[in-house]
Amino acid sequence: RMMELLGREISFEILAWQIYRAAGDTFQSRDLVLKCLERSAVGLEVLRDFLTDPMAAAEALAEVMNEVMEEMGENAEQAVEAGGELVEDLADVVNPAQMAEDALDMMDDMDEVIPTFAVFGFFKTTGLSDIFNGIVPIVLITVYSNWDFVTKRLLMAVQTQSYTVEGEGGLPETQMRWMGDTRLEGHKGDHLPVAMIAYSGLTMWSFGFLVFLGLLINRSSSKLQDFKNLRTYGYFYNGYTASYWWWELGVKRIDVLLVYLCTYVSVFPDVKAKLVLYNGIAAVLWAVHSAASPYDQRSNSLVDRLESLGLRVRFFTLFLIQVLLLLDGSSTLCLVVALVVVIINAVFVIVIIVTFIQETGTFGTPEEEEIGGGDDEEDGKHGKVDGASSAATSSVTPKGDNEGGNPLKMCAQYLFGLFVKYIGRYVVTFVMKYLMIPFHIIADVKAKLDEEVPHLAWHGVGLPIQVVEHHPGIALKNERTKRYLTMKEDGSLAATSRMVNKKTTFELSFGEENCPEGTG
């Protein structure tokens, strides 16, 4: 693209200047570098090397110069001049303009690798082949989304419960009756055809579909990140590491299926036995997940940590309920255990909510939240409050022509608007000043932790990746106001921030040698 825009001569002038500055000792003059460039066949890869690593390009070009000197004599200038006719012959073969056009065509071909789905966002064209290929992920995801509902319906068709009924001879006996119609005895008589259909459906739908889908994905398991496979099957393995692409189908769904089987199939009619099974399933799944950690490492394995926390809460909830039923504890013990169950589940819900809020960037650090154009933090807060109260007032204020409307409704809207305008401001101020402090603190800590870990900075294709390390600085705190010295937009300093961040971190450097004492 550069050769197309600037032309062959100007491009070679730029390359020659770069190489001569990088390795001036190797060549006698910049003109010699330019003539060696004309002597060599410069392709796209070589051109990229010249622009990204001039030193390595200089070494390669020096080899060309040595070859010329060996062939034509020790005078490199004369050797290059003698090869001028050869360069003219090569110009037709290595045409910079044509080479630039080929490069542009290659870039266009790369763009065409990712096709556009012009028809409803699902199909590339209206041809039957494209429609068939485009409908495959739709069918798979639809069937998978209905898997849970259909599986429960099939299990309900074989759900039975123990009843004591009058048997032959008038003696009471225990029978397993179908929950769908307690007049029918389970797996006998009229219920037998229903049970056979249900078990066939469970085999083909609940087990067979998962196996079929797993085999389809396994066939392309070595190319999971290809666009075609990612679009067709990515819904089922996106977010997992490559070696655990089967986790959703082989572990998560089997976990749900085992819980459904314990619930609907009367293998153990006793409720306490079912609780033991639930607890065993929860323990096994927790242990398996902790050993595998199948999710990818984004955000410091955030999904793995949340999943592990959820499985832990699930296990302890079932365990505590099981303890209550098996030990037949007193009312005091029941109250304590119930409180513990509520607390651990509430903590889990709060962690999920806070994590979601922080990861979506709903709350930033206090400095990021300052808006309104003021010079200090208070002006920013007032601007935020004014914006929130104005939005609330406008949302309840009647819009448009209200003539002929309900007068009671109009009066209620007017009074509520006055309430929001004059009293709601203080409510919003209280919420933003006190209730949001924990979110701001969490956001600030997260921002500082993000800065402390090394980062990889990508600067472009063919350029070296830069490793950015964290080096802590010094924050200066005012002892009276308990606020940190902060750099403002105009470069001035003032103690306005409550937290340590980029604007409050400084480096103390001492003066250079022979500087007056006390300067820095």
Protein backbone atom coordinates (compact mmCIF):
# COMPACT_ATOMS: atom_id res chain seq x y z
CA ARG A 1 0.00 0.00 0.00
CA MET A 2 2.89 2.37 0.76
CA MET A 3 4.51 1.68 -2.62
CA GLU A 4 1.18 2.23 -4.34
CA LEU A 5 0.63 5.59 -2.64
CA LEU A 6 4.19 6.95 -2.71
CA GLY A 7 5.63 5.25 -5.74
CA ARG A 8 8.65 3.02 -6.21
CA GLU A 9 11.38 5.65 -6.07
CA ILE A 10 10.15 7.44 -2.95
CA SER A 11 9.54 4.16 -1.14
CA PHE A 12 13.07 2.98 -1.91
CA GLU A 13 14.45 6.35 -0.77
CA ILE A 14 12.72 5.92 2.60
CA LEU A 15 13.96 2.36 2.98
CA ALA A 16 17.49 3.33 2.02
CA TRP A 17 17.54 6.14 4.57
CA GLN A 18 16.25 3.84 7.34
CA ILE A 19 18.78 1.12 6.60
CA TYR A 20 21.68 3.55 6.26
CA ARG A 21 20.85 5.12 9.64
CA ALA A 22 20.62 1.69 11.27
CA ALA A 23 23.80 0.26 9.74
CA GLY A 24 25.82 3.10 8.30
CA ASP A 25 29.12 1.31 8.89
CA THR A 26 28.15 -1.50 6.54
CA PHE A 27 27.57 0.75 3.52
CA GLN A 28 29.69 3.59 2.21
CA SER A 29 26.76 5.84 1.33
CA ARG A 30 23.01 5.99 1.17
CA ASP A 31 23.18 5.82 -2.63
CA LEU A 32 24.90 2.46 -2.34
CA VAL A 33 22.03 1.21 -0.14
CA LEU A 34 19.55 2.47 -2.70
CA LYS A 35 21.30 0.70 -5.56
CA CYS A 36 21.51 -2.53 -3.57
CA LEU A 37 17.78 -2.27 -2.98
CA GLU A 38 17.22 -1.92 -6.70
CA ARG A 39 19.50 -4.89 -7.28
CA SER A 40 17.53 -7.17 -4.94
CA ALA A 41 14.03 -8.49 -5.58
CA VAL A 42 11.94 -6.83 -2.88
CA GLY A 43 8.77 -8.78 -2.09
CA LEU A 44 5.99 -8.12 0.40
CA GLU A 45 7.62 -10.07 3.24
CA VAL A 46 11.01 -8.43 2.60
CA LEU A 47 9.40 -5.01 2.45
CA ARG A 48 7.71 -5.64 5.80
CA ASP A 49 11.05 -6.67 7.30
CA PHE A 50 12.64 -3.47 6.01
CA LEU A 51 10.00 -1.35 7.74
CA THR A 52 9.86 -3.25 11.05
CA ASP A 53 13.48 -4.33 11.57
CA PRO A 54 15.94 -2.19 9.57
CA MET A 55 18.98 -3.78 11.26
CA ALA A 56 18.11 -7.28 10.09
CA ALA A 57 17.28 -5.90 6.65
CA ALA A 58 20.70 -4.24 6.54
CA GLU A 59 22.40 -7.57 7.16
CA ALA A 60 20.40 -9.21 4.39
CA LEU A 61 21.18 -6.33 2.06
CA ALA A 62 24.87 -6.55 2.93
CA GLU A 63 24.86 -10.12 1.64
CA VAL A 64 23.46 -8.85 -1.66
CA MET A 65 26.21 -6.27 -1.79
CA ASN A 66 28.88 -8.95 -1.16
CA GLU A 67 27.45 -11.11 -3.94
CA VAL A 68 27.60 -8.16 -6.31
CA MET A 69 31.18 -7.44 -5.32
CA GLU A 70 32.22 -11.07 -5.84
CA GLU A 71 30.60 -11.21 -9.27
CA MET A 72 31.60 -7.85 -10.67
CA GLY A 73 34.73 -6.89 -8.76
CA GLU A 74 35.70 -5.08 -5.63
CA ASN A 75 34.20 -1.74 -6.61
CA ALA A 76 30.62 -2.01 -5.39
CA GLU A 77 29.58 1.19 -7.10
CA GLN A 78 30.67 -0.08 -10.49
CA ALA A 79 29.16 -3.51 -9.79
CA VAL A 80 25.76 -2.06 -9.09
CA GLU A 81 25.94 0.18 -12.17
CA ALA A 82 26.85 -2.85 -14.27
CA GLY A 83 23.76 -4.63 -13.00
CA GLY A 84 21.50 -1.80 -14.07
CA GLU A 85 20.33 -3.64 -17.17
CA LEU A 86 19.48 -6.65 -15.02
CA VAL A 87 17.38 -4.43 -12.77
CA GLU A 88 15.44 -3.18 -15.78
CA ASP A 89 14.72 -6.77 -16.78
CA LEU A 90 13.58 -7.59 -13.26
CA ALA A 91 11.32 -4.54 -13.17
CA ASP A 92 8.76 -6.34 -15.27
CA VAL A 93 8.84 -9.34 -12.95
CA VAL A 94 9.02 -7.43 -9.67
CA ASN A 95 6.74 -4.51 -10.47
CA PRO A 96 6.08 -2.45 -7.31
CA ALA A 97 2.74 -1.18 -8.58
CA GLN A 98 1.61 -4.68 -9.48
CA MET A 99 2.97 -5.94 -6.17
CA ALA A 100 0.91 -3.31 -4.33
CA GLU A 101 -2.20 -4.32 -6.27
CA ASP A 102 -1.57 -7.95 -5.38
CA ALA A 103 -1.24 -6.96 -1.74
CA LEU A 104 -4.55 -5.12 -1.87
CA ASP A 105 -6.17 -8.15 -3.49
CA MET A 106 -4.79 -10.34 -0.71
CA MET A 107 -6.29 -8.00 1.89
CA ASP A 108 -9.64 -8.12 0.10
CA ASP A 109 -9.45 -11.91 0.03
CA MET A 110 -8.81 -11.91 3.78
CA ASP A 111 -11.92 -9.81 4.28
CA GLU A 112 -13.89 -12.28 2.18
CA VAL A 113 -12.83 -15.16 4.44
CA ILE A 114 -15.45 -13.97 6.93
CA PRO A 115 -18.65 -14.07 4.86
CA THR A 116 -21.55 -11.71 5.25
CA PHE A 117 -24.97 -13.13 6.10
CA ALA A 118 -27.20 -10.81 4.12
CA VAL A 119 -30.48 -12.74 4.49
CA PHE A 120 -31.92 -12.12 7.98
CA GLY A 121 -28.40 -12.34 9.41
CA PHE A 122 -28.53 -16.15 9.13
CA PHE A 123 -27.97 -17.02 5.47
CA LYS A 124 -25.41 -15.81 2.94
CA THR A 125 -27.73 -16.21 -0.05
CA THR A 126 -31.18 -17.58 -0.79
CA GLY A 127 -29.75 -20.80 -2.22
CA LEU A 128 -30.81 -24.09 -0.69
CA SER A 129 -27.24 -25.01 0.23
CA ASP A 130 -26.67 -21.75 2.12
CA ILE A 131 -30.06 -22.02 3.80
CA PHE A 132 -29.32 -25.57 4.93
CA ASN A 133 -25.88 -24.60 6.30
CA GLY A 134 -27.24 -21.50 7.98
CA ILE A 135 -30.16 -23.24 9.66
CA VAL A 136 -27.98 -25.89 11.37
CA PRO A 137 -26.96 -23.71 14.38
CA ILE A 138 -30.55 -22.46 14.70
CA VAL A 139 -31.91 -26.00 14.93
CA LEU A 140 -29.20 -27.16 17.36
CA ILE A 141 -29.63 -24.21 19.71
CA THR A 142 -33.43 -24.46 19.59
CA VAL A 143 -33.40 -28.16 20.41
CA TYR A 144 -30.83 -27.61 23.15
CA SER A 145 -32.90 -24.79 24.68
CA ASN A 146 -35.95 -27.09 24.84
CA TRP A 147 -33.95 -30.01 26.27
CA ASP A 148 -34.70 -29.08 29.87
CA PHE A 149 -38.46 -28.69 29.38
CA VAL A 150 -38.91 -31.87 27.33
CA THR A 151 -36.75 -33.94 29.71
CA LYS A 152 -38.86 -32.94 32.70
CA ARG A 153 -42.06 -33.76 30.81
CA LEU A 154 -40.75 -37.20 29.89
CA LEU A 155 -39.70 -37.88 33.48
CA MET A 156 -43.10 -36.79 34.76
CA ALA A 157 -44.61 -39.50 32.57
CA VAL A 158 -42.86 -42.16 34.70
CA GLN A 159 -43.02 -40.40 38.08
CA THR A 160 -44.60 -42.64 40.69
CA GLN A 161 -45.33 -42.43 44.38
CA SER A 162 -46.05 -45.00 47.06
CA TYR A 163 -49.68 -45.33 48.19
CA THR A 164 -51.37 -47.70 50.63
CA VAL A 165 -54.46 -49.15 48.98
CA GLU A 166 -56.91 -51.97 49.63
CA GLY A 167 -55.60 -55.10 48.00
CA GLU A 168 -57.01 -58.52 47.34
CA GLY A 169 -58.92 -59.94 50.26
CA GLY A 170 -59.44 -56.49 51.76
CA LEU A 171 -55.92 -56.31 53.16
CA PRO A 172 -53.96 -53.04 52.79
CA GLU A 173 -50.95 -53.16 50.51
CA THR A 174 -48.43 -50.63 49.17
CA GLN A 175 -48.47 -49.85 45.47
CA MET A 176 -46.52 -47.43 43.24
CA ARG A 177 -49.10 -45.25 41.53
CA TRP A 178 -48.46 -42.93 38.59
CA MET A 179 -48.54 -39.29 39.66
CA GLY A 180 -50.23 -38.30 36.39
CA ASP A 181 -53.24 -40.48 37.24
CA THR A 182 -53.21 -42.15 40.64
CA ARG A 183 -55.84 -44.66 39.46
CA LEU A 184 -53.12 -46.38 37.40
CA GLU A 185 -50.42 -48.53 38.93
CA GLY A 186 -46.97 -47.55 37.77
CA HIS A 187 -45.38 -49.50 34.89
CA LYS A 188 -48.32 -51.89 34.69
CA GLY A 189 -51.54 -52.10 32.73
CA ASP A 190 -52.55 -48.91 30.97
CA HIS A 191 -49.47 -47.05 32.23
CA LEU A 192 -47.00 -49.46 30.62
CA PRO A 193 -47.31 -48.00 27.06
CA VAL A 194 -46.89 -44.49 28.49
CA ALA A 195 -43.76 -45.58 30.37
CA MET A 196 -42.27 -47.25 27.28
CA ILE A 197 -42.78 -44.11 25.19
CA ALA A 198 -41.28 -41.97 27.96
CA TYR A 199 -38.19 -44.15 28.34
CA SER A 200 -37.70 -44.21 24.57
CA GLY A 201 -37.92 -40.42 24.51
CA LEU A 202 -35.42 -40.13 27.35
CA THR A 203 -33.00 -42.39 25.49
CA MET A 204 -33.28 -40.53 22.19
CA TRP A 205 -33.79 -36.99 23.47
CA SER A 206 -32.11 -36.60 26.85
CA PHE A 207 -29.15 -38.93 26.20
CA GLY A 208 -29.08 -39.40 22.43
CA PHE A 209 -29.13 -35.70 21.51
CA LEU A 210 -26.22 -34.92 23.85
CA VAL A 211 -24.18 -37.83 22.45
CA PHE A 212 -25.02 -36.87 18.87
CA LEU A 213 -24.09 -33.24 19.42
CA GLY A 214 -20.88 -34.22 21.21
CA LEU A 215 -19.84 -36.45 18.29
CA LEU A 216 -20.50 -33.62 15.82
CA ILE A 217 -18.29 -31.22 17.73
CA ASN A 218 -15.62 -33.85 18.38
CA ARG A 219 -15.28 -34.34 14.64
CA SER A 220 -14.03 -30.73 14.41
CA SER A 221 -12.36 -30.54 17.82
CA SER A 222 -8.98 -29.67 16.30
CA LYS A 223 -10.47 -26.62 14.53
CA LEU A 224 -12.86 -25.23 17.11
CA GLN A 225 -11.85 -21.62 16.46
CA ASP A 226 -12.45 -21.76 12.71
CA PHE A 227 -15.20 -19.38 11.70
CA LYS A 228 -17.48 -22.10 10.34
CA ASN A 229 -17.20 -24.30 13.43
CA LEU A 230 -17.42 -21.33 15.78
CA ARG A 231 -20.63 -20.14 14.16
CA THR A 232 -22.18 -23.61 14.04
CA TYR A 233 -21.13 -25.08 17.40
CA GLY A 234 -19.57 -22.17 19.31
CA TYR A 235 -22.69 -21.75 21.44
CA PHE A 236 -21.87 -25.02 23.21
CA TYR A 237 -18.16 -24.51 23.97
CA ASN A 238 -17.53 -20.77 23.92
CA GLY A 239 -15.92 -19.75 27.22
CA TYR A 240 -14.27 -23.11 27.88
CA THR A 241 -10.65 -24.03 27.32
CA ALA A 242 -9.92 -26.06 24.20
CA SER A 243 -9.36 -29.29 26.12
CA TYR A 244 -12.73 -29.00 27.92
CA TRP A 245 -15.01 -28.12 25.02
CA TRP A 246 -17.26 -31.04 26.05
CA TRP A 247 -17.88 -29.75 29.59
CA GLU A 248 -21.28 -28.19 28.89
CA LEU A 249 -22.64 -31.35 27.26
CA GLY A 250 -20.83 -34.02 29.25
CA VAL A 251 -20.84 -32.53 32.75
CA LYS A 252 -23.28 -29.65 33.19
CA ARG A 253 -26.18 -31.35 31.40
CA ILE A 254 -25.48 -34.71 33.02
CA ASP A 255 -25.54 -32.94 36.40
CA VAL A 256 -29.01 -31.55 35.62
CA LEU A 257 -30.15 -34.94 34.33
CA LEU A 258 -29.03 -36.75 37.48
CA VAL A 259 -30.89 -34.25 39.66
CA TYR A 260 -34.04 -34.75 37.56
CA LEU A 261 -33.73 -38.52 37.82
CA CYS A 262 -33.46 -38.32 41.60
CA THR A 263 -36.49 -36.03 41.70
CA TYR A 264 -38.90 -37.79 39.35
CA VAL A 265 -37.81 -41.45 39.37
CA SER A 266 -38.69 -43.26 42.58
CA VAL A 267 -35.50 -45.26 42.95
CA PHE A 268 -35.51 -44.25 46.60
CA PRO A 269 -39.02 -43.19 47.61
CA ASP A 270 -37.84 -41.80 50.96
CA VAL A 271 -37.27 -38.02 50.95
CA LYS A 272 -34.20 -38.32 53.17
CA ALA A 273 -32.61 -40.76 50.73
CA LYS A 274 -33.18 -38.26 47.91
CA LEU A 275 -31.47 -35.55 49.95
CA VAL A 276 -28.46 -37.82 50.42
CA LEU A 277 -28.32 -38.33 46.65
CA TYR A 278 -28.63 -34.59 46.00
CA ASN A 279 -25.79 -33.92 48.41
CA GLY A 280 -23.64 -36.63 46.84
CA ILE A 281 -24.17 -35.22 43.34
CA ALA A 282 -23.32 -31.71 44.57
CA ALA A 283 -20.13 -32.94 46.28
CA VAL A 284 -18.94 -34.88 43.23
CA LEU A 285 -19.61 -31.98 40.83
CA TRP A 286 -17.86 -29.53 43.14
CA ALA A 287 -14.79 -31.77 43.36
CA VAL A 288 -14.72 -32.43 39.61
CA HIS A 289 -14.97 -28.73 38.78
CA SER A 290 -12.26 -27.78 41.27
CA ALA A 291 -9.93 -30.38 39.78
CA ALA A 292 -10.57 -29.41 36.15
CA SER A 293 -11.21 -25.60 36.13
CA PRO A 294 -12.65 -25.89 32.61
CA TYR A 295 -13.40 -22.24 31.87
CA ASP A 296 -10.91 -19.98 30.13
CA GLN A 297 -8.64 -17.58 31.99
CA ARG A 298 -10.35 -14.30 31.15
CA SER A 299 -10.51 -11.79 34.02
CA ASN A 300 -8.26 -13.98 36.15
CA SER A 301 -10.50 -17.05 35.79
CA LEU A 302 -13.57 -15.12 36.92
CA VAL A 303 -16.11 -17.68 35.67
CA ASP A 304 -14.22 -20.56 37.29
CA ARG A 305 -14.22 -18.77 40.62
CA LEU A 306 -17.92 -17.89 40.46
CA GLU A 307 -18.84 -21.41 39.38
CA SER A 308 -16.82 -22.88 42.23
CA LEU A 309 -18.51 -20.53 44.68
CA GLY A 310 -21.95 -21.52 43.38
CA LEU A 311 -21.19 -25.24 43.68
CA ARG A 312 -19.88 -24.68 47.20
CA VAL A 313 -23.05 -22.84 48.24
CA ARG A 314 -25.16 -25.56 46.67
CA PHE A 315 -23.34 -28.30 48.58
CA PHE A 316 -23.55 -26.61 51.98
CA THR A 317 -27.20 -25.68 51.49
CA LEU A 318 -28.16 -29.29 50.79
CA PHE A 319 -25.90 -30.53 53.58
CA LEU A 320 -27.45 -28.26 56.21
CA ILE A 321 -31.00 -29.18 55.16
CA GLN A 322 -30.03 -32.84 55.29
CA VAL A 323 -28.64 -32.39 58.82
CA LEU A 324 -31.93 -30.85 59.95
CA LEU A 325 -34.02 -33.71 58.61
CA LEU A 326 -31.74 -36.54 59.71
CA LEU A 327 -31.01 -35.25 63.22
CA ASP A 328 -34.54 -34.03 63.90
CA GLY A 329 -33.17 -31.00 65.72
CA SER A 330 -34.92 -28.63 68.05
CA SER A 331 -36.57 -25.39 66.99
CA THR A 332 -33.49 -23.40 68.07
CA LEU A 333 -31.20 -25.56 65.93
CA CYS A 334 -33.59 -25.26 63.01
CA LEU A 335 -33.62 -21.48 63.35
CA VAL A 336 -29.81 -21.26 63.45
CA VAL A 337 -29.36 -23.54 60.45
CA ALA A 338 -32.05 -21.67 58.51
CA LEU A 339 -30.25 -18.38 59.19
CA VAL A 340 -26.95 -19.86 58.03
CA VAL A 341 -28.57 -21.13 54.83
CA VAL A 342 -30.14 -17.74 54.14
CA ILE A 343 -26.86 -15.90 54.83
CA ILE A 344 -24.64 -18.03 52.59
CA ASN A 345 -27.14 -17.85 49.74
CA ALA A 346 -27.58 -14.09 50.21
CA VAL A 347 -23.82 -13.61 50.13
CA PHE A 348 -23.63 -15.60 46.91
CA VAL A 349 -26.36 -13.49 45.29
CA ILE A 350 -24.65 -10.27 46.40
CA VAL A 351 -21.30 -11.45 45.03
CA ILE A 352 -22.91 -12.26 41.67
CA ILE A 353 -24.63 -8.86 41.51
CA VAL A 354 -21.54 -6.90 42.51
CA THR A 355 -19.36 -8.85 40.09
CA PHE A 356 -21.80 -8.25 37.26
CA ILE A 357 -21.98 -4.54 38.02
CA GLN A 358 -18.22 -4.15 38.24
CA GLU A 359 -17.40 -6.22 35.15
CA THR A 360 -19.92 -4.35 33.02
CA GLY A 361 -18.39 -1.03 34.09
CA THR A 362 -21.58 0.40 35.59
CA PHE A 363 -19.57 2.06 38.36
CA GLY A 364 -16.14 3.51 37.81
CA THR A 365 -13.68 4.94 40.25
CA PRO A 366 -14.70 8.18 41.99
CA GLU A 367 -12.50 10.17 39.63
CA GLU A 368 -14.16 8.61 36.60
CA GLU A 369 -17.60 9.35 38.04
CA GLU A 370 -16.91 13.06 38.41
CA ILE A 371 -18.93 14.92 35.79
CA GLY A 372 -20.57 18.30 35.55
CA GLY A 373 -17.55 20.37 34.54
CA GLY A 374 -16.65 21.62 38.02
CA ASP A 375 -13.19 22.27 39.33
CA ASP A 376 -13.43 19.90 42.26
CA GLU A 377 -15.07 16.69 43.35
CA GLU A 378 -18.14 18.40 44.82
CA ASP A 379 -18.99 20.07 41.51
CA GLY A 380 -18.85 16.67 39.86
CA LYS A 381 -21.21 15.19 42.44
CA HIS A 382 -23.67 18.07 42.09
CA GLY A 383 -23.66 17.62 38.33
CA LYS A 384 -24.37 13.92 38.72
CA VAL A 385 -27.21 14.56 41.19
CA ASP A 386 -28.72 17.26 38.99
CA GLY A 387 -28.66 14.90 36.02
CA ALA A 388 -30.30 12.07 37.97
CA SER A 389 -33.01 14.28 39.48
CA SER A 390 -33.72 15.95 36.12
CA ALA A 391 -34.09 12.56 34.45
CA ALA A 392 -36.48 11.38 37.18
CA THR A 393 -38.53 14.58 36.94
CA SER A 394 -38.81 14.39 33.16
CA SER A 395 -39.88 10.74 33.36
CA VAL A 396 -42.91 11.54 35.53
CA THR A 397 -43.81 14.89 33.96
CA PRO A 398 -46.77 14.63 31.55
CA LYS A 399 -45.69 14.96 27.92
CA GLY A 400 -47.67 16.39 25.04
CA ASP A 401 -51.20 17.76 25.08
CA ASN A 402 -52.98 16.63 28.24
CA GLU A 403 -56.28 18.30 27.54
CA GLY A 404 -59.13 15.89 28.04
CA GLY A 405 -57.06 13.58 30.24
CA ASN A 406 -57.91 12.23 33.67
CA PRO A 407 -57.62 15.19 36.09
CA LEU A 408 -56.78 12.97 39.07
CA LYS A 409 -53.98 11.33 37.15
CA MET A 410 -52.66 14.69 35.95
CA CYS A 411 -52.76 16.05 39.50
CA ALA A 412 -50.94 12.99 40.87
CA GLN A 413 -48.26 13.30 38.20
CA TYR A 414 -47.81 16.99 38.96
CA LEU A 415 -47.49 16.40 42.71
CA PHE A 416 -45.08 13.51 42.21
CA GLY A 417 -43.02 15.67 39.85
CA LEU A 418 -42.76 18.36 42.54
CA PHE A 419 -41.75 15.73 45.08
CA VAL A 420 -39.00 14.39 42.83
CA LYS A 421 -37.82 17.88 41.93
CA TYR A 422 -37.48 19.26 45.44
CA ILE A 423 -37.29 16.27 47.80
CA GLY A 424 -36.06 13.52 45.48
CA ARG A 425 -32.82 15.46 45.00
CA TYR A 426 -31.85 14.78 48.60
CA VAL A 427 -32.78 11.11 48.24
CA VAL A 428 -30.57 10.81 45.17
CA THR A 429 -27.78 12.65 46.99
CA PHE A 430 -27.97 10.26 49.92
CA VAL A 431 -27.94 7.21 47.66
CA MET A 432 -25.02 8.42 45.57
CA LYS A 433 -23.01 9.68 48.53
CA TYR A 434 -23.35 6.76 50.92
CA LEU A 435 -24.94 3.68 49.36
CA MET A 436 -22.67 3.71 46.31
CA ILE A 437 -19.43 4.04 48.28
CA PRO A 438 -18.79 0.26 48.41
CA PHE A 439 -19.13 0.02 44.63
CA HIS A 440 -16.68 2.88 44.14
CA ILE A 441 -14.20 1.31 46.55
CA ILE A 442 -14.42 -2.04 44.75
CA ALA A 443 -13.97 -0.33 41.38
CA ASP A 444 -10.93 1.58 42.66
CA VAL A 445 -9.30 -1.56 44.07
CA LYS A 446 -9.98 -3.42 40.81
CA ALA A 447 -8.46 -0.58 38.77
CA LYS A 448 -5.31 -0.60 40.93
CA LEU A 449 -4.98 -4.38 40.66
CA ASP A 450 -5.37 -4.15 36.88
CA GLU A 451 -2.45 -1.72 36.81
CA GLU A 452 -0.20 -3.82 39.02
CA VAL A 453 -0.16 -6.92 36.80
CA PRO A 454 2.07 -6.96 33.68
CA HIS A 455 0.36 -6.15 30.41
CA LEU A 456 1.22 -7.05 26.84
CA ALA A 457 0.95 -4.06 24.49
CA TRP A 458 0.35 -4.93 20.82
CA HIS A 459 1.51 -2.21 18.42
CA GLY A 460 0.72 -3.77 15.06
CA VAL A 461 1.43 -6.60 12.65
CA GLY A 462 5.14 -7.42 12.45
CA LEU A 463 6.03 -5.18 15.41
CA PRO A 464 7.43 -6.56 18.66
CA ILE A 465 5.04 -6.97 21.59
CA GLN A 466 5.86 -4.69 24.50
CA VAL A 467 5.68 -5.90 28.10
CA VAL A 468 4.38 -3.12 30.35
CA GLU A 469 5.31 -3.59 33.99
CA HIS A 470 3.96 -1.85 37.07
CA HIS A 471 6.30 0.30 39.14
CA PRO A 472 4.66 1.80 42.24
CA GLY A 473 5.00 5.50 42.86
CA ILE A 474 4.41 7.83 45.81
CA ALA A 475 1.09 9.34 46.92
CA LEU A 476 1.14 12.49 49.10
CA LYS A 477 -1.71 12.76 51.63
CA ASN A 478 -2.86 15.89 53.41
CA GLU A 479 -2.98 15.12 57.14
CA ARG A 480 -5.74 17.63 57.82
CA THR A 481 -8.19 16.86 54.99
CA LYS A 482 -7.11 13.20 54.59
CA ARG A 483 -7.08 13.66 50.82
CA TYR A 484 -4.35 12.91 48.29
CA LEU A 485 -2.50 15.39 46.15
CA THR A 486 -4.03 15.20 42.66
CA MET A 487 -2.93 16.55 39.29
CA LYS A 488 -5.66 18.49 37.50
CA GLU A 489 -6.19 18.95 33.78
CA ASP A 490 -4.33 22.27 33.72
CA GLY A 491 -1.28 20.71 35.40
CA SER A 492 -1.85 22.24 38.82
CA LEU A 493 -1.82 20.19 42.03
CA ALA A 494 -4.44 20.12 44.77
CA ALA A 495 -5.37 17.70 47.57
CA THR A 496 -8.83 16.66 46.31
CA SER A 497 -8.91 12.85 45.89
CA ARG A 498 -9.93 10.38 48.59
CA MET A 499 -8.29 7.40 46.86
CA VAL A 500 -4.97 6.53 45.28
CA ASN A 501 -5.03 6.32 41.49
CA LYS A 502 -3.04 7.42 38.43
CA LYS A 503 -3.60 11.11 39.08
CA THR A 504 -2.42 10.88 42.69
CA THR A 505 0.75 8.82 42.05
CA PHE A 506 4.08 10.59 41.57
CA GLU A 507 7.74 9.74 41.21
CA LEU A 508 10.39 11.48 43.29
CA SER A 509 13.58 11.90 41.24
CA PHE A 510 16.77 13.46 42.49
CA GLY A 511 18.70 16.10 40.64
CA GLU A 512 21.39 15.19 38.13
CA GLU A 513 25.08 15.33 38.89
CA ASN A 514 26.58 18.73 39.68
CA CYS A 515 23.12 20.19 40.39
CA PRO A 516 22.66 22.52 43.38
CA GLU A 517 21.93 20.64 46.58
CA GLY A 518 18.26 20.38 47.44
CA THR A 519 16.98 20.43 43.88
CA GLY A 520 15.16 17.51 42.31
